[in-house]
Amino acid sequence: MVDASSVVVGDVIIADDANIWPLVAIRGNVNQVRIGGTHQYSGWQHTSCNA
């Protein structure tokens, strides 16, 4: 779950089991960011945005 008040920018991968709390900023504009999940990489959600 990603809270509506959070900002996710760039190459960010958020696993199904991860939660992004209110007012969090995640910047993947320089390097890829991976949050949550297991080492098997099943259940990843790939998010790529340009702001």
PDB file of N, CA and C in Angstrom:
ATOM      1  N   MET A   1       0.837  -1.176   0.000  1.00  0.00           N
ATOM      2  CA  MET A   1       0.000   0.000   0.000  1.00  0.00           C
ATOM      3  C   MET A   1       0.889   1.248   0.000  1.00  0.00           C
ATOM      4  N   VAL A   2       0.592   2.165  -0.877  1.00  0.00           N
ATOM      5  CA  VAL A   2       1.287   3.448  -0.927  1.00  0.00           C
ATOM      6  C   VAL A   2       0.290   4.520  -0.525  1.00  0.00           C
ATOM      7  N   ASP A   3       0.605   5.258   0.530  1.00  0.00           N
ATOM      8  CA  ASP A   3      -0.294   6.312   0.991  1.00  0.00           C
ATOM      9  C   ASP A   3      -0.387   7.417  -0.059  1.00  0.00           C
ATOM     10  N   ALA A   4      -1.555   8.007  -0.190  1.00  0.00           N
ATOM     11  CA  ALA A   4      -1.808   9.034  -1.206  1.00  0.00           C
ATOM     12  C   ALA A   4      -0.963  10.288  -1.001  1.00  0.00           C
ATOM     13  N   SER A   5      -0.503  10.555   0.218  1.00  0.00           N
ATOM     14  CA  SER A   5       0.297  11.746   0.470  1.00  0.00           C
ATOM     15  C   SER A   5       1.787  11.519   0.228  1.00  0.00           C
ATOM     16  N   SER A   6       2.170  10.302  -0.127  1.00  0.00           N
ATOM     17  CA  SER A   6       3.572   9.989  -0.406  1.00  0.00           C
ATOM     18  C   SER A   6       3.925  10.358  -1.832  1.00  0.00           C
ATOM     19  N   VAL A   7       5.234  10.517  -2.083  1.00  0.00           N
ATOM     20  CA  VAL A   7       5.722  10.847  -3.414  1.00  0.00           C
ATOM     21  C   VAL A   7       6.724   9.774  -3.829  1.00  0.00           C
ATOM     22  N   VAL A   8       6.474   9.155  -4.981  1.00  0.00           N
ATOM     23  CA  VAL A   8       7.373   8.136  -5.533  1.00  0.00           C
ATOM     24  C   VAL A   8       7.801   8.627  -6.907  1.00  0.00           C
ATOM     25  N   VAL A   9       9.121   8.818  -7.087  1.00  0.00           N
ATOM     26  CA  VAL A   9       9.641   9.389  -8.325  1.00  0.00           C
ATOM     27  C   VAL A   9      10.753   8.504  -8.859  1.00  0.00           C
ATOM     28  N   GLY A  10      10.737   8.242 -10.162  1.00  0.00           N
ATOM     29  CA  GLY A  10      11.828   7.524 -10.816  1.00  0.00           C
ATOM     30  C   GLY A  10      11.619   6.026 -10.836  1.00  0.00           C
ATOM     31  N   ASP A  11      12.740   5.295 -10.862  1.00  0.00           N
ATOM     32  CA  ASP A  11      12.742   3.839 -11.011  1.00  0.00           C
ATOM     33  C   ASP A  11      12.634   3.202  -9.631  1.00  0.00           C
ATOM     34  N   VAL A  12      11.405   2.977  -9.176  1.00  0.00           N
ATOM     35  CA  VAL A  12      11.138   2.458  -7.830  1.00  0.00           C
ATOM     36  C   VAL A  12      10.341   1.169  -7.952  1.00  0.00           C
ATOM     37  N   ILE A  13      10.781   0.120  -7.240  1.00  0.00           N
ATOM     38  CA  ILE A  13      10.076  -1.159  -7.208  1.00  0.00           C
ATOM     39  C   ILE A  13       9.589  -1.375  -5.783  1.00  0.00           C
ATOM     40  N   ILE A  14       8.275  -1.557  -5.644  1.00  0.00           N
ATOM     41  CA  ILE A  14       7.664  -1.746  -4.329  1.00  0.00           C
ATOM     42  C   ILE A  14       7.015  -3.123  -4.307  1.00  0.00           C
ATOM     43  N   ALA A  15       7.434  -3.976  -3.376  1.00  0.00           N
ATOM     44  CA  ALA A  15       6.895  -5.325  -3.280  1.00  0.00           C
ATOM     45  C   ALA A  15       5.470  -5.291  -2.749  1.00  0.00           C
ATOM     46  N   ASP A  16       4.735  -6.362  -3.024  1.00  0.00           N
ATOM     47  CA  ASP A  16       3.340  -6.454  -2.583  1.00  0.00           C
ATOM     48  C   ASP A  16       3.202  -6.381  -1.066  1.00  0.00           C
ATOM     49  N   ASP A  17       4.238  -6.834  -0.324  1.00  0.00           N
ATOM     50  CA  ASP A  17       4.154  -6.864   1.138  1.00  0.00           C
ATOM     51  C   ASP A  17       4.650  -5.573   1.794  1.00  0.00           C
ATOM     52  N   ALA A  18       4.996  -4.566   1.007  1.00  0.00           N
ATOM     53  CA  ALA A  18       5.535  -3.314   1.551  1.00  0.00           C
ATOM     54  C   ALA A  18       4.430  -2.283   1.758  1.00  0.00           C
ATOM     55  N   ASN A  19       4.650  -1.406   2.714  1.00  0.00           N
ATOM     56  CA  ASN A  19       3.750  -0.286   2.981  1.00  0.00           C
ATOM     57  C   ASN A  19       4.556   0.998   2.955  1.00  0.00           C
ATOM     58  N   ILE A  20       4.058   1.983   2.242  1.00  0.00           N
ATOM     59  CA  ILE A  20       4.693   3.300   2.194  1.00  0.00           C
ATOM     60  C   ILE A  20       3.804   4.240   2.997  1.00  0.00           C
ATOM     61  N   TRP A  21       4.356   4.764   4.060  1.00  0.00           N
ATOM     62  CA  TRP A  21       3.593   5.563   5.021  1.00  0.00           C
ATOM     63  C   TRP A  21       3.358   6.987   4.528  1.00  0.00           C
ATOM     64  N   PRO A  22       2.466   7.731   5.207  1.00  0.00           N
ATOM     65  CA  PRO A  22       2.161   9.111   4.807  1.00  0.00           C
ATOM     66  C   PRO A  22       3.398  10.011   4.787  1.00  0.00           C
ATOM     67  N   LEU A  23       3.433  10.887   3.794  1.00  0.00           N
ATOM     68  CA  LEU A  23       4.438  11.935   3.629  1.00  0.00           C
ATOM     69  C   LEU A  23       5.845  11.415   3.344  1.00  0.00           C
ATOM     70  N   VAL A  24       5.967  10.157   2.928  1.00  0.00           N
ATOM     71  CA  VAL A  24       7.276   9.589   2.577  1.00  0.00           C
ATOM     72  C   VAL A  24       7.614   9.996   1.145  1.00  0.00           C
ATOM     73  N   ALA A  25       8.882  10.333   0.901  1.00  0.00           N
ATOM     74  CA  ALA A  25       9.374  10.620  -0.443  1.00  0.00           C
ATOM     75  C   ALA A  25      10.396   9.553  -0.815  1.00  0.00           C
ATOM     76  N   ILE A  26      10.168   8.879  -1.936  1.00  0.00           N
ATOM     77  CA  ILE A  26      11.088   7.855  -2.429  1.00  0.00           C
ATOM     78  C   ILE A  26      11.582   8.318  -3.790  1.00  0.00           C
ATOM     79  N   ARG A  27      12.900   8.490  -3.906  1.00  0.00           N
ATOM     80  CA  ARG A  27      13.471   9.007  -5.148  1.00  0.00           C
ATOM     81  C   ARG A  27      14.344   7.957  -5.805  1.00  0.00           C
ATOM     82  N   GLY A  28      13.911   7.503  -6.955  1.00  0.00           N
ATOM     83  CA  GLY A  28      14.695   6.571  -7.741  1.00  0.00           C
ATOM     84  C   GLY A  28      15.166   7.216  -9.023  1.00  0.00           C
ATOM     85  N   ASN A  29      15.415   8.508  -8.977  1.00  0.00           N
ATOM     86  CA  ASN A  29      15.798   9.235 -10.187  1.00  0.00           C
ATOM     87  C   ASN A  29      17.274   9.082 -10.542  1.00  0.00           C
ATOM     88  N   VAL A  30      18.119   8.602  -9.616  1.00  0.00           N
ATOM     89  CA  VAL A  30      19.533   8.367  -9.912  1.00  0.00           C
ATOM     90  C   VAL A  30      19.811   6.870 -10.004  1.00  0.00           C
ATOM     91  N   ASN A  31      19.360   6.118  -9.007  1.00  0.00           N
ATOM     92  CA  ASN A  31      19.520   4.662  -8.970  1.00  0.00           C
ATOM     93  C   ASN A  31      18.172   4.020  -8.685  1.00  0.00           C
ATOM     94  N   GLN A  32      18.072   2.736  -9.017  1.00  0.00           N
ATOM     95  CA  GLN A  32      16.840   2.000  -8.743  1.00  0.00           C
ATOM     96  C   GLN A  32      16.684   1.782  -7.243  1.00  0.00           C
ATOM     97  N   VAL A  33      15.451   1.896  -6.743  1.00  0.00           N
ATOM     98  CA  VAL A  33      15.135   1.669  -5.335  1.00  0.00           C
ATOM     99  C   VAL A  33      14.179   0.479  -5.264  1.00  0.00           C
ATOM    100  N   ARG A  34      14.511  -0.511  -4.415  1.00  0.00           N
ATOM    101  CA  ARG A  34      13.635  -1.669  -4.194  1.00  0.00           C
ATOM    102  C   ARG A  34      13.256  -1.699  -2.728  1.00  0.00           C
ATOM    103  N   ILE A  35      11.955  -1.849  -2.469  1.00  0.00           N
ATOM    104  CA  ILE A  35      11.455  -1.840  -1.095  1.00  0.00           C
ATOM    105  C   ILE A  35      10.608  -3.078  -0.867  1.00  0.00           C
ATOM    106  N   GLY A  36      10.928  -3.815   0.222  1.00  0.00           N
ATOM    107  CA  GLY A  36      10.145  -4.981   0.619  1.00  0.00           C
ATOM    108  C   GLY A  36      10.422  -6.196  -0.229  1.00  0.00           C
ATOM    109  N   GLY A  37       9.591  -7.214  -0.067  1.00  0.00           N
ATOM    110  CA  GLY A  37       9.695  -8.417  -0.875  1.00  0.00           C
ATOM    111  C   GLY A  37      10.730  -9.397  -0.376  1.00  0.00           C
ATOM    112  N   THR A  38      10.931 -10.420  -1.160  1.00  0.00           N
ATOM    113  CA  THR A  38      11.904 -11.452  -0.849  1.00  0.00           C
ATOM    114  C   THR A  38      12.985 -11.464  -1.922  1.00  0.00           C
ATOM    115  N   HIS A  39      13.962 -12.307  -1.729  1.00  0.00           N
ATOM    116  CA  HIS A  39      15.042 -12.399  -2.712  1.00  0.00           C
ATOM    117  C   HIS A  39      14.619 -13.129  -3.978  1.00  0.00           C
ATOM    118  N   GLN A  40      13.432 -13.712  -3.982  1.00  0.00           N
ATOM    119  CA  GLN A  40      12.941 -14.404  -5.171  1.00  0.00           C
ATOM    120  C   GLN A  40      12.363 -13.427  -6.191  1.00  0.00           C
ATOM    121  N   TYR A  41      12.116 -12.206  -5.803  1.00  0.00           N
ATOM    122  CA  TYR A  41      11.593 -11.138  -6.651  1.00  0.00           C
ATOM    123  C   TYR A  41      10.203 -11.432  -7.201  1.00  0.00           C
ATOM    124  N   SER A  42       9.491 -12.367  -6.598  1.00  0.00           N
ATOM    125  CA  SER A  42       8.113 -12.580  -7.019  1.00  0.00           C
ATOM    126  C   SER A  42       7.223 -11.601  -6.269  1.00  0.00           C
ATOM    127  N   GLY A  43       6.272 -11.032  -6.953  1.00  0.00           N
ATOM    128  CA  GLY A  43       5.355 -10.096  -6.323  1.00  0.00           C
ATOM    129  C   GLY A  43       5.851  -8.659  -6.332  1.00  0.00           C
ATOM    130  N   TRP A  44       6.858  -8.345  -7.141  1.00  0.00           N
ATOM    131  CA  TRP A  44       7.332  -6.960  -7.234  1.00  0.00           C
ATOM    132  C   TRP A  44       6.415  -6.159  -8.138  1.00  0.00           C
ATOM    133  N   GLN A  45       6.232  -4.909  -7.767  1.00  0.00           N
ATOM    134  CA  GLN A  45       5.475  -3.985  -8.605  1.00  0.00           C
ATOM    135  C   GLN A  45       6.456  -2.931  -9.076  1.00  0.00           C
ATOM    136  N   HIS A  46       6.637  -2.818 -10.378  1.00  0.00           N
ATOM    137  CA  HIS A  46       7.604  -1.856 -10.914  1.00  0.00           C
ATOM    138  C   HIS A  46       6.895  -0.552 -11.216  1.00  0.00           C
ATOM    139  N   THR A  47       7.407   0.523 -10.648  1.00  0.00           N
ATOM    140  CA  THR A  47       6.818   1.840 -10.839  1.00  0.00           C
ATOM    141  C   THR A  47       7.877   2.755 -11.418  1.00  0.00           C
ATOM    142  N   SER A  48       7.613   3.343 -12.539  1.00  0.00           N
ATOM    143  CA  SER A  48       8.555   4.270 -13.151  1.00  0.00           C
ATOM    144  C   SER A  48       7.808   5.547 -13.496  1.00  0.00           C
ATOM    145  N   CYS A  49       8.220   6.667 -12.919  1.00  0.00           N
ATOM    146  CA  CYS A  49       7.545   7.936 -13.171  1.00  0.00           C
ATOM    147  C   CYS A  49       8.565   9.048 -13.358  1.00  0.00           C
ATOM    148  N   ASN A  50       8.166  10.023 -14.066  1.00  0.00           N
ATOM    149  CA  ASN A  50       8.987  11.228 -14.243  1.00  0.00           C
ATOM    150  C   ASN A  50       8.167  12.410 -13.744  1.00  0.00           C
ATOM    151  N   ALA A  51       8.767  13.165 -12.843  1.00  0.00           N
ATOM    152  CA  ALA A  51       8.034  14.315 -12.307  1.00  0.00           C
ATOM    153  C   ALA A  51       8.779  15.590 -12.614  1.00  0.00           C
TER     154      ALA A  51
END
